[in-house]
Structures are given as C-alpha cells and as structure tokens.
Amino acid sequence: MVIRTLIDENMVNNESLCFHTARQDIKMYVGDELRIEYLTKDTRYIGKYTSPAYVFCDLKPGDAGKYLTVEAMTDSTFSGVFYPVTMGSRMAIWYTLARELGLEITVAFLTLLLGFLSTVVCFFVGIFQHRKLTLMYLGCAITLVAVWLVANIQVR
C-alpha cells in the first residue's frame, strides 16, 4: 500500500511525523530521498512479520512542496492497516505516547517487580525455614507473564 501527500509549510513547522506500523515493513520518502526504512527481516530470529513500532520521519525546512510517500509492505492480515499519524515535535509526540500508553508500561513493570520480589522472598524464606514454598512457583509464573507484558509494550 502506498500513501502519498504533499508537504506544506504547516507540516514542516511541526518538525516530525510519527507512524505506528502494524506488522508491516515501512519506507518513507520525501521527494525522491529515502528518509526512513523500518524492517526487521534481517534481524528477527522468530516470526515472519516485522514487529509493530513507532517510526519517526523528521521533516526539514526545505521539504515544503515535496511529496511524502509512505510504502507499507506485508503478507499478513494487517496489509493496508494504518493507524492515525501523530504530528509535532519529537518531545510532544513522546509525551502523547507516554500519556496514552503510560498505564500499560506501569502495569507491566510493576508486575515484573512484584513477580521477581515474590520469587526472591520465597526462595530465601524457603532456605531459612528448610522447606519449599509453593508460592515461589506462582512468583515465577507472574515473572514470566510480566516478561511477556514488557516485551509486548508498543513503545519498545
């Protein structure tokens, strides 16, 4: 899928565009210049699709009047899926992402911390009391779930 739009003066003043990919390889051109390329086929060890990510395209003052072309390529069911594009300074975009995804990030890291702490505490209590605490298995399971949550955070 290819999307093409003309860059006007208002877009250049805002400095950056942020695209959220959906298991797609993305290439962004400003005029004829390849500005950004996001694909993971050479670095992924498992899976056959590029993992979702936020991709930034910085605009320069000389870009006004040129075409911005976004190419998205995939064999998955996400073909042609585009999320809303965020426009602004990088700091404003990161602030918006933190506001939208902050709860997800906080829950993932708190779950990781609690799972790890419960596992460690149960381990040492088991050593001092010379018995096995079954709560330690729950702590290990929570830690594994938390690792999955952290790995699945959209702003990784």
N, C-alpha and C. Protein backbone atom coordinates (compact mmCIF):
# COMPACT_ATOMS: atom_id res chain seq x y z
N MET A 1 0.85 -1.16 0.00
CA MET A 1 0.00 0.00 0.00
C MET A 1 0.90 1.23 0.00
N VAL A 2 0.53 2.21 -0.77
CA VAL A 2 1.31 3.45 -0.88
C VAL A 2 0.39 4.63 -0.60
N ILE A 3 0.84 5.49 0.29
CA ILE A 3 0.13 6.74 0.57
C ILE A 3 1.06 7.88 0.17
N ARG A 4 0.51 8.86 -0.51
CA ARG A 4 1.33 9.98 -0.98
C ARG A 4 0.59 11.27 -0.68
N THR A 5 1.30 12.24 -0.11
CA THR A 5 0.71 13.53 0.20
C THR A 5 1.75 14.62 -0.02
N LEU A 6 1.25 15.80 -0.28
CA LEU A 6 2.12 16.96 -0.48
C LEU A 6 2.43 17.60 0.86
N ILE A 7 3.69 17.87 1.10
CA ILE A 7 4.11 18.51 2.36
C ILE A 7 3.95 20.02 2.20
N ASP A 8 3.18 20.62 3.10
CA ASP A 8 3.01 22.07 3.04
C ASP A 8 3.81 22.72 4.17
N GLU A 9 3.76 24.05 4.23
CA GLU A 9 4.54 24.81 5.22
C GLU A 9 4.17 24.44 6.66
N ASN A 10 2.87 24.19 6.93
CA ASN A 10 2.45 23.85 8.29
C ASN A 10 3.06 22.55 8.78
N MET A 11 3.22 21.58 7.88
CA MET A 11 3.80 20.31 8.27
C MET A 11 5.28 20.46 8.59
N VAL A 12 5.98 21.28 7.85
CA VAL A 12 7.42 21.47 8.06
C VAL A 12 7.67 22.15 9.40
N ASN A 13 6.80 23.07 9.79
CA ASN A 13 6.99 23.76 11.06
C ASN A 13 6.83 22.84 12.26
N ASN A 14 6.11 21.74 12.10
CA ASN A 14 5.89 20.82 13.20
C ASN A 14 7.00 19.79 13.38
N GLU A 15 7.94 19.75 12.50
CA GLU A 15 9.18 19.00 12.61
C GLU A 15 9.12 17.50 12.37
N SER A 16 8.17 16.75 12.93
CA SER A 16 8.19 15.29 12.82
C SER A 16 6.81 14.71 12.59
N LEU A 17 6.81 13.56 11.93
CA LEU A 17 5.60 12.74 11.80
C LEU A 17 5.89 11.40 12.44
N CYS A 18 4.92 10.86 13.15
CA CYS A 18 5.09 9.58 13.83
C CYS A 18 4.05 8.60 13.31
N PHE A 19 4.52 7.49 12.74
CA PHE A 19 3.65 6.44 12.21
C PHE A 19 3.75 5.22 13.11
N HIS A 20 2.61 4.61 13.40
CA HIS A 20 2.59 3.35 14.14
C HIS A 20 2.39 2.24 13.12
N THR A 21 3.40 1.40 12.98
CA THR A 21 3.31 0.33 12.00
C THR A 21 2.49 -0.83 12.55
N ALA A 22 1.93 -1.61 11.69
CA ALA A 22 1.12 -2.76 12.09
C ALA A 22 1.65 -4.00 11.38
N ARG A 23 2.74 -4.54 11.90
CA ARG A 23 3.36 -5.74 11.32
C ARG A 23 3.66 -5.55 9.83
N GLN A 24 4.15 -4.37 9.52
CA GLN A 24 4.44 -4.04 8.13
C GLN A 24 5.84 -3.45 8.03
N ASP A 25 6.49 -3.70 6.90
CA ASP A 25 7.73 -3.02 6.58
C ASP A 25 7.35 -1.65 6.02
N ILE A 26 8.04 -0.62 6.49
CA ILE A 26 7.69 0.76 6.11
C ILE A 26 8.91 1.43 5.46
N LYS A 27 8.64 2.12 4.38
CA LYS A 27 9.64 3.01 3.76
C LYS A 27 8.98 4.36 3.59
N MET A 28 9.71 5.42 3.93
CA MET A 28 9.19 6.77 3.78
C MET A 28 10.15 7.59 2.92
N TYR A 29 9.59 8.19 1.92
CA TYR A 29 10.36 9.03 1.01
C TYR A 29 9.87 10.46 1.12
N VAL A 30 10.80 11.40 1.10
CA VAL A 30 10.48 12.81 0.96
C VAL A 30 11.08 13.23 -0.37
N GLY A 31 10.21 13.53 -1.32
CA GLY A 31 10.67 13.72 -2.69
C GLY A 31 11.14 12.37 -3.21
N ASP A 32 12.38 12.32 -3.68
CA ASP A 32 12.97 11.06 -4.15
C ASP A 32 13.92 10.46 -3.11
N GLU A 33 14.09 11.14 -1.99
CA GLU A 33 15.04 10.70 -0.97
C GLU A 33 14.38 9.73 0.01
N LEU A 34 15.01 8.55 0.19
CA LEU A 34 14.53 7.61 1.20
C LEU A 34 14.91 8.18 2.56
N ARG A 35 13.92 8.58 3.35
CA ARG A 35 14.18 9.25 4.62
C ARG A 35 14.26 8.24 5.77
N ILE A 36 13.39 7.23 5.76
CA ILE A 36 13.41 6.24 6.84
C ILE A 36 12.93 4.90 6.28
N GLU A 37 13.53 3.84 6.79
CA GLU A 37 13.13 2.49 6.41
C GLU A 37 13.09 1.65 7.68
N TYR A 38 11.96 1.00 7.92
CA TYR A 38 11.83 0.15 9.10
C TYR A 38 11.40 -1.24 8.66
N LEU A 39 12.32 -2.18 8.76
CA LEU A 39 12.02 -3.58 8.52
C LEU A 39 13.00 -4.42 9.33
N THR A 40 12.54 -5.60 9.71
CA THR A 40 13.36 -6.42 10.59
C THR A 40 13.65 -7.80 10.01
N LYS A 41 13.52 -7.98 8.71
CA LYS A 41 13.70 -9.31 8.15
C LYS A 41 15.13 -9.84 8.34
N ASP A 42 16.12 -8.95 8.42
CA ASP A 42 17.50 -9.39 8.61
C ASP A 42 17.86 -9.62 10.08
N THR A 43 17.05 -9.11 11.00
CA THR A 43 17.40 -9.21 12.42
C THR A 43 16.45 -10.05 13.24
N ARG A 44 15.31 -10.42 12.72
CA ARG A 44 14.37 -11.23 13.52
C ARG A 44 14.75 -12.70 13.41
N TYR A 45 14.66 -13.37 14.55
CA TYR A 45 15.02 -14.78 14.60
C TYR A 45 13.79 -15.68 14.60
N ILE A 46 12.67 -15.15 15.07
CA ILE A 46 11.45 -15.93 15.06
C ILE A 46 10.35 -15.07 14.44
N GLY A 47 9.36 -15.71 13.92
CA GLY A 47 8.25 -14.98 13.30
C GLY A 47 8.60 -14.57 11.88
N LYS A 48 7.57 -14.25 11.12
CA LYS A 48 7.83 -13.85 9.74
C LYS A 48 7.39 -12.43 9.43
N TYR A 49 6.91 -11.70 10.43
CA TYR A 49 6.47 -10.33 10.21
C TYR A 49 7.28 -9.37 11.05
N THR A 50 7.40 -8.16 10.57
CA THR A 50 8.07 -7.10 11.32
C THR A 50 7.21 -6.72 12.51
N SER A 51 7.82 -6.59 13.68
CA SER A 51 7.05 -6.26 14.87
C SER A 51 6.56 -4.81 14.81
N PRO A 52 5.40 -4.54 15.39
CA PRO A 52 4.88 -3.16 15.38
C PRO A 52 5.82 -2.21 16.12
N ALA A 53 5.88 -0.99 15.66
CA ALA A 53 6.73 0.01 16.29
C ALA A 53 6.25 1.40 15.90
N TYR A 54 6.77 2.39 16.60
CA TYR A 54 6.53 3.78 16.24
C TYR A 54 7.73 4.26 15.44
N VAL A 55 7.47 4.76 14.25
CA VAL A 55 8.54 5.19 13.34
C VAL A 55 8.39 6.69 13.12
N PHE A 56 9.50 7.42 13.30
CA PHE A 56 9.50 8.87 13.15
C PHE A 56 10.11 9.27 11.81
N CYS A 57 9.51 10.25 11.18
CA CYS A 57 10.05 10.85 9.97
C CYS A 57 10.23 12.34 10.25
N ASP A 58 11.48 12.76 10.32
CA ASP A 58 11.77 14.17 10.59
C ASP A 58 11.69 14.96 9.28
N LEU A 59 11.04 16.11 9.36
CA LEU A 59 10.91 16.98 8.20
C LEU A 59 11.86 18.16 8.35
N LYS A 60 12.45 18.55 7.25
CA LYS A 60 13.39 19.68 7.22
C LYS A 60 12.70 20.87 6.56
N PRO A 61 13.17 22.08 6.84
CA PRO A 61 12.54 23.26 6.23
C PRO A 61 12.48 23.22 4.71
N GLY A 62 13.44 22.58 4.06
CA GLY A 62 13.45 22.50 2.60
C GLY A 62 12.48 21.47 2.03
N ASP A 63 11.76 20.75 2.88
CA ASP A 63 10.84 19.70 2.42
C ASP A 63 9.49 20.23 1.96
N ALA A 64 9.19 21.49 2.25
CA ALA A 64 7.89 22.05 1.85
C ALA A 64 7.78 22.02 0.33
N GLY A 65 6.62 21.57 -0.15
CA GLY A 65 6.38 21.48 -1.59
C GLY A 65 6.76 20.14 -2.18
N LYS A 66 7.42 19.26 -1.41
CA LYS A 66 7.78 17.93 -1.89
C LYS A 66 6.69 16.95 -1.48
N TYR A 67 6.72 15.77 -2.09
CA TYR A 67 5.76 14.74 -1.74
C TYR A 67 6.33 13.81 -0.67
N LEU A 68 5.50 13.48 0.31
CA LEU A 68 5.83 12.46 1.30
C LEU A 68 5.15 11.18 0.83
N THR A 69 5.93 10.15 0.60
CA THR A 69 5.41 8.87 0.15
C THR A 69 5.70 7.82 1.21
N VAL A 70 4.66 7.13 1.65
CA VAL A 70 4.80 6.07 2.65
C VAL A 70 4.42 4.76 1.99
N GLU A 71 5.35 3.81 1.97
CA GLU A 71 5.10 2.49 1.42
C GLU A 71 5.04 1.48 2.57
N ALA A 72 3.96 0.72 2.64
CA ALA A 72 3.80 -0.32 3.66
C ALA A 72 3.69 -1.66 2.96
N MET A 73 4.53 -2.61 3.35
CA MET A 73 4.54 -3.92 2.70
C MET A 73 4.43 -5.02 3.75
N THR A 74 3.53 -5.98 3.52
CA THR A 74 3.40 -7.13 4.40
C THR A 74 2.60 -8.22 3.71
N ASP A 75 2.79 -9.44 4.18
CA ASP A 75 1.97 -10.56 3.71
C ASP A 75 0.93 -10.93 4.75
N SER A 76 0.89 -10.21 5.86
CA SER A 76 -0.02 -10.55 6.95
C SER A 76 -1.41 -9.99 6.68
N THR A 77 -2.31 -10.26 7.61
CA THR A 77 -3.67 -9.72 7.51
C THR A 77 -3.71 -8.23 7.80
N PHE A 78 -2.59 -7.66 8.23
CA PHE A 78 -2.53 -6.24 8.52
C PHE A 78 -2.19 -5.42 7.28
N SER A 79 -2.22 -6.03 6.13
CA SER A 79 -1.92 -5.33 4.89
C SER A 79 -2.86 -4.14 4.71
N GLY A 80 -2.28 -2.98 4.55
CA GLY A 80 -3.07 -1.77 4.34
C GLY A 80 -3.60 -1.12 5.59
N VAL A 81 -3.22 -1.61 6.77
CA VAL A 81 -3.69 -1.02 8.02
C VAL A 81 -2.77 0.15 8.37
N PHE A 82 -3.36 1.32 8.58
CA PHE A 82 -2.61 2.49 9.03
C PHE A 82 -3.30 3.07 10.25
N TYR A 83 -2.53 3.29 11.27
CA TYR A 83 -3.04 3.94 12.46
C TYR A 83 -2.94 5.45 12.27
N PRO A 84 -3.62 6.23 13.12
CA PRO A 84 -3.51 7.68 12.99
C PRO A 84 -2.06 8.16 13.11
N VAL A 85 -1.72 9.13 12.31
CA VAL A 85 -0.36 9.69 12.31
C VAL A 85 -0.33 10.86 13.27
N THR A 86 0.72 10.90 14.10
CA THR A 86 0.90 11.99 15.05
C THR A 86 1.91 12.97 14.46
N MET A 87 1.60 14.26 14.56
CA MET A 87 2.47 15.28 14.00
C MET A 87 2.83 16.27 15.10
N GLY A 88 4.10 16.66 15.17
CA GLY A 88 4.55 17.62 16.17
C GLY A 88 6.03 17.47 16.42
N SER A 89 6.52 18.13 17.45
CA SER A 89 7.92 17.96 17.82
C SER A 89 8.07 16.57 18.44
N ARG A 90 9.28 16.05 18.43
CA ARG A 90 9.51 14.72 18.98
C ARG A 90 9.11 14.66 20.45
N MET A 91 9.41 15.68 21.21
CA MET A 91 9.08 15.69 22.63
C MET A 91 7.56 15.66 22.83
N ALA A 92 6.83 16.42 22.03
CA ALA A 92 5.37 16.42 22.14
C ALA A 92 4.79 15.06 21.75
N ILE A 93 5.38 14.42 20.76
CA ILE A 93 4.91 13.10 20.35
C ILE A 93 5.19 12.08 21.44
N TRP A 94 6.39 12.10 22.03
CA TRP A 94 6.70 11.17 23.12
C TRP A 94 5.81 11.41 24.33
N TYR A 95 5.51 12.67 24.59
CA TYR A 95 4.59 12.99 25.69
C TYR A 95 3.20 12.39 25.43
N THR A 96 2.74 12.52 24.20
CA THR A 96 1.44 11.95 23.84
C THR A 96 1.45 10.43 23.97
N LEU A 97 2.51 9.79 23.50
CA LEU A 97 2.61 8.33 23.62
C LEU A 97 2.67 7.90 25.08
N ALA A 98 3.42 8.63 25.89
CA ALA A 98 3.51 8.30 27.32
C ALA A 98 2.16 8.45 28.00
N ARG A 99 1.42 9.47 27.62
CA ARG A 99 0.08 9.68 28.19
C ARG A 99 -0.87 8.55 27.78
N GLU A 100 -0.79 8.13 26.53
CA GLU A 100 -1.69 7.09 26.03
C GLU A 100 -1.30 5.69 26.53
N LEU A 101 -0.01 5.42 26.63
CA LEU A 101 0.46 4.07 26.94
C LEU A 101 1.11 3.96 28.31
N GLY A 102 1.06 5.02 29.10
CA GLY A 102 1.73 5.02 30.40
C GLY A 102 1.19 3.97 31.35
N LEU A 103 -0.11 3.76 31.36
CA LEU A 103 -0.69 2.76 32.25
C LEU A 103 -0.22 1.36 31.88
N GLU A 104 -0.16 1.07 30.59
CA GLU A 104 0.32 -0.24 30.13
C GLU A 104 1.77 -0.48 30.56
N ILE A 105 2.60 0.53 30.40
CA ILE A 105 4.01 0.42 30.78
C ILE A 105 4.14 0.24 32.28
N THR A 106 3.39 1.02 33.05
CA THR A 106 3.45 0.95 34.51
C THR A 106 3.01 -0.42 35.01
N VAL A 107 1.91 -0.93 34.50
CA VAL A 107 1.41 -2.25 34.93
C VAL A 107 2.42 -3.34 34.58
N ALA A 108 3.01 -3.28 33.41
CA ALA A 108 3.98 -4.30 33.00
C ALA A 108 5.19 -4.32 33.94
N PHE A 109 5.74 -3.15 34.24
CA PHE A 109 6.93 -3.12 35.10
C PHE A 109 6.60 -3.40 36.56
N LEU A 110 5.44 -2.98 37.03
CA LEU A 110 5.05 -3.32 38.41
C LEU A 110 4.81 -4.82 38.55
N THR A 111 4.22 -5.44 37.56
CA THR A 111 4.02 -6.89 37.59
C THR A 111 5.36 -7.61 37.58
N LEU A 112 6.30 -7.13 36.79
CA LEU A 112 7.63 -7.72 36.76
C LEU A 112 8.31 -7.59 38.12
N LEU A 113 8.22 -6.41 38.72
CA LEU A 113 8.83 -6.19 40.03
C LEU A 113 8.20 -7.08 41.10
N LEU A 114 6.88 -7.14 41.13
CA LEU A 114 6.20 -7.96 42.14
C LEU A 114 6.48 -9.45 41.95
N GLY A 115 6.48 -9.92 40.72
CA GLY A 115 6.79 -11.32 40.47
C GLY A 115 8.21 -11.67 40.88
N PHE A 116 9.15 -10.80 40.55
CA PHE A 116 10.55 -11.04 40.92
C PHE A 116 10.73 -11.00 42.43
N LEU A 117 10.14 -10.00 43.09
CA LEU A 117 10.27 -9.90 44.54
C LEU A 117 9.65 -11.10 45.26
N SER A 118 8.48 -11.53 44.82
CA SER A 118 7.85 -12.68 45.48
C SER A 118 8.67 -13.94 45.28
N THR A 119 9.28 -14.11 44.13
CA THR A 119 10.13 -15.27 43.88
C THR A 119 11.37 -15.25 44.79
N VAL A 120 12.02 -14.10 44.87
CA VAL A 120 13.23 -13.98 45.70
C VAL A 120 12.91 -14.16 47.17
N VAL A 121 11.84 -13.51 47.64
CA VAL A 121 11.47 -13.64 49.05
C VAL A 121 11.14 -15.09 49.39
N CYS A 122 10.36 -15.75 48.56
CA CYS A 122 10.01 -17.16 48.81
C CYS A 122 11.25 -18.05 48.77
N PHE A 123 12.19 -17.74 47.90
CA PHE A 123 13.42 -18.52 47.82
C PHE A 123 14.20 -18.43 49.13
N PHE A 124 14.40 -17.20 49.63
CA PHE A 124 15.18 -17.04 50.86
C PHE A 124 14.42 -17.54 52.10
N VAL A 125 13.13 -17.33 52.15
CA VAL A 125 12.34 -17.86 53.27
C VAL A 125 12.40 -19.39 53.25
N GLY A 126 12.35 -19.99 52.07
CA GLY A 126 12.46 -21.45 51.96
C GLY A 126 13.80 -21.96 52.43
N ILE A 127 14.86 -21.20 52.16
CA ILE A 127 16.19 -21.61 52.62
C ILE A 127 16.27 -21.55 54.14
N PHE A 128 15.78 -20.47 54.72
CA PHE A 128 15.88 -20.30 56.18
C PHE A 128 14.94 -21.24 56.94
N GLN A 129 13.81 -21.58 56.38
CA GLN A 129 12.87 -22.47 57.06
C GLN A 129 13.04 -23.93 56.64
N HIS A 130 13.94 -24.21 55.73
CA HIS A 130 14.26 -25.56 55.27
C HIS A 130 13.02 -26.29 54.72
N ARG A 131 12.23 -25.57 53.96
CA ARG A 131 11.07 -26.19 53.29
C ARG A 131 10.78 -25.43 52.00
N LYS A 132 10.07 -26.07 51.14
CA LYS A 132 9.74 -25.48 49.85
C LYS A 132 8.41 -24.73 49.96
N LEU A 133 8.40 -23.48 49.51
CA LEU A 133 7.16 -22.69 49.49
C LEU A 133 6.55 -22.76 48.09
N THR A 134 5.32 -23.21 48.02
CA THR A 134 4.68 -23.32 46.71
C THR A 134 4.35 -21.95 46.12
N LEU A 135 4.36 -20.92 46.94
CA LEU A 135 4.12 -19.57 46.45
C LEU A 135 5.23 -19.12 45.48
N MET A 136 6.40 -19.75 45.61
CA MET A 136 7.51 -19.40 44.74
C MET A 136 7.17 -19.73 43.28
N TYR A 137 6.43 -20.80 43.04
CA TYR A 137 6.04 -21.16 41.68
C TYR A 137 5.11 -20.10 41.09
N LEU A 138 4.22 -19.58 41.92
CA LEU A 138 3.35 -18.50 41.46
C LEU A 138 4.17 -17.26 41.12
N GLY A 139 5.18 -16.96 41.95
CA GLY A 139 6.06 -15.83 41.67
C GLY A 139 6.81 -16.00 40.36
N CYS A 140 7.27 -17.22 40.08
CA CYS A 140 7.94 -17.49 38.81
C CYS A 140 6.98 -17.31 37.63
N ALA A 141 5.75 -17.79 37.78
CA ALA A 141 4.76 -17.65 36.71
C ALA A 141 4.43 -16.18 36.47
N ILE A 142 4.28 -15.41 37.55
CA ILE A 142 3.99 -13.98 37.40
C ILE A 142 5.16 -13.27 36.72
N THR A 143 6.38 -13.66 37.07
CA THR A 143 7.56 -13.06 36.43
C THR A 143 7.58 -13.36 34.94
N LEU A 144 7.25 -14.59 34.56
CA LEU A 144 7.22 -14.94 33.14
C LEU A 144 6.13 -14.16 32.39
N VAL A 145 4.96 -14.01 33.01
CA VAL A 145 3.89 -13.23 32.40
C VAL A 145 4.33 -11.77 32.25
N ALA A 146 5.00 -11.26 33.27
CA ALA A 146 5.46 -9.87 33.23
C ALA A 146 6.52 -9.65 32.15
N VAL A 147 7.39 -10.62 31.95
CA VAL A 147 8.38 -10.51 30.87
C VAL A 147 7.66 -10.44 29.53
N TRP A 148 6.60 -11.23 29.37
CA TRP A 148 5.81 -11.18 28.14
C TRP A 148 5.15 -9.80 28.00
N LEU A 149 4.61 -9.27 29.09
CA LEU A 149 3.97 -7.94 29.05
C LEU A 149 4.97 -6.86 28.65
N VAL A 150 6.17 -6.91 29.23
CA VAL A 150 7.20 -5.92 28.92
C VAL A 150 7.62 -6.05 27.45
N ALA A 151 7.77 -7.28 26.97
CA ALA A 151 8.18 -7.48 25.58
C ALA A 151 7.08 -7.06 24.61
N ASN A 152 5.85 -7.01 25.08
CA ASN A 152 4.72 -6.69 24.22
C ASN A 152 4.32 -5.22 24.27
N ILE A 153 5.05 -4.40 25.02
CA ILE A 153 4.76 -2.97 25.11
C ILE A 153 4.94 -2.35 23.73
N GLN A 154 4.00 -1.52 23.33
CA GLN A 154 4.02 -0.98 21.98
C GLN A 154 5.12 0.04 21.73
N VAL A 155 5.70 0.61 22.76
CA VAL A 155 6.76 1.60 22.56
C VAL A 155 8.14 1.00 22.77
N ARG A 156 8.26 -0.29 22.59
CA ARG A 156 9.57 -0.93 22.77
C ARG A 156 10.58 -0.45 21.77
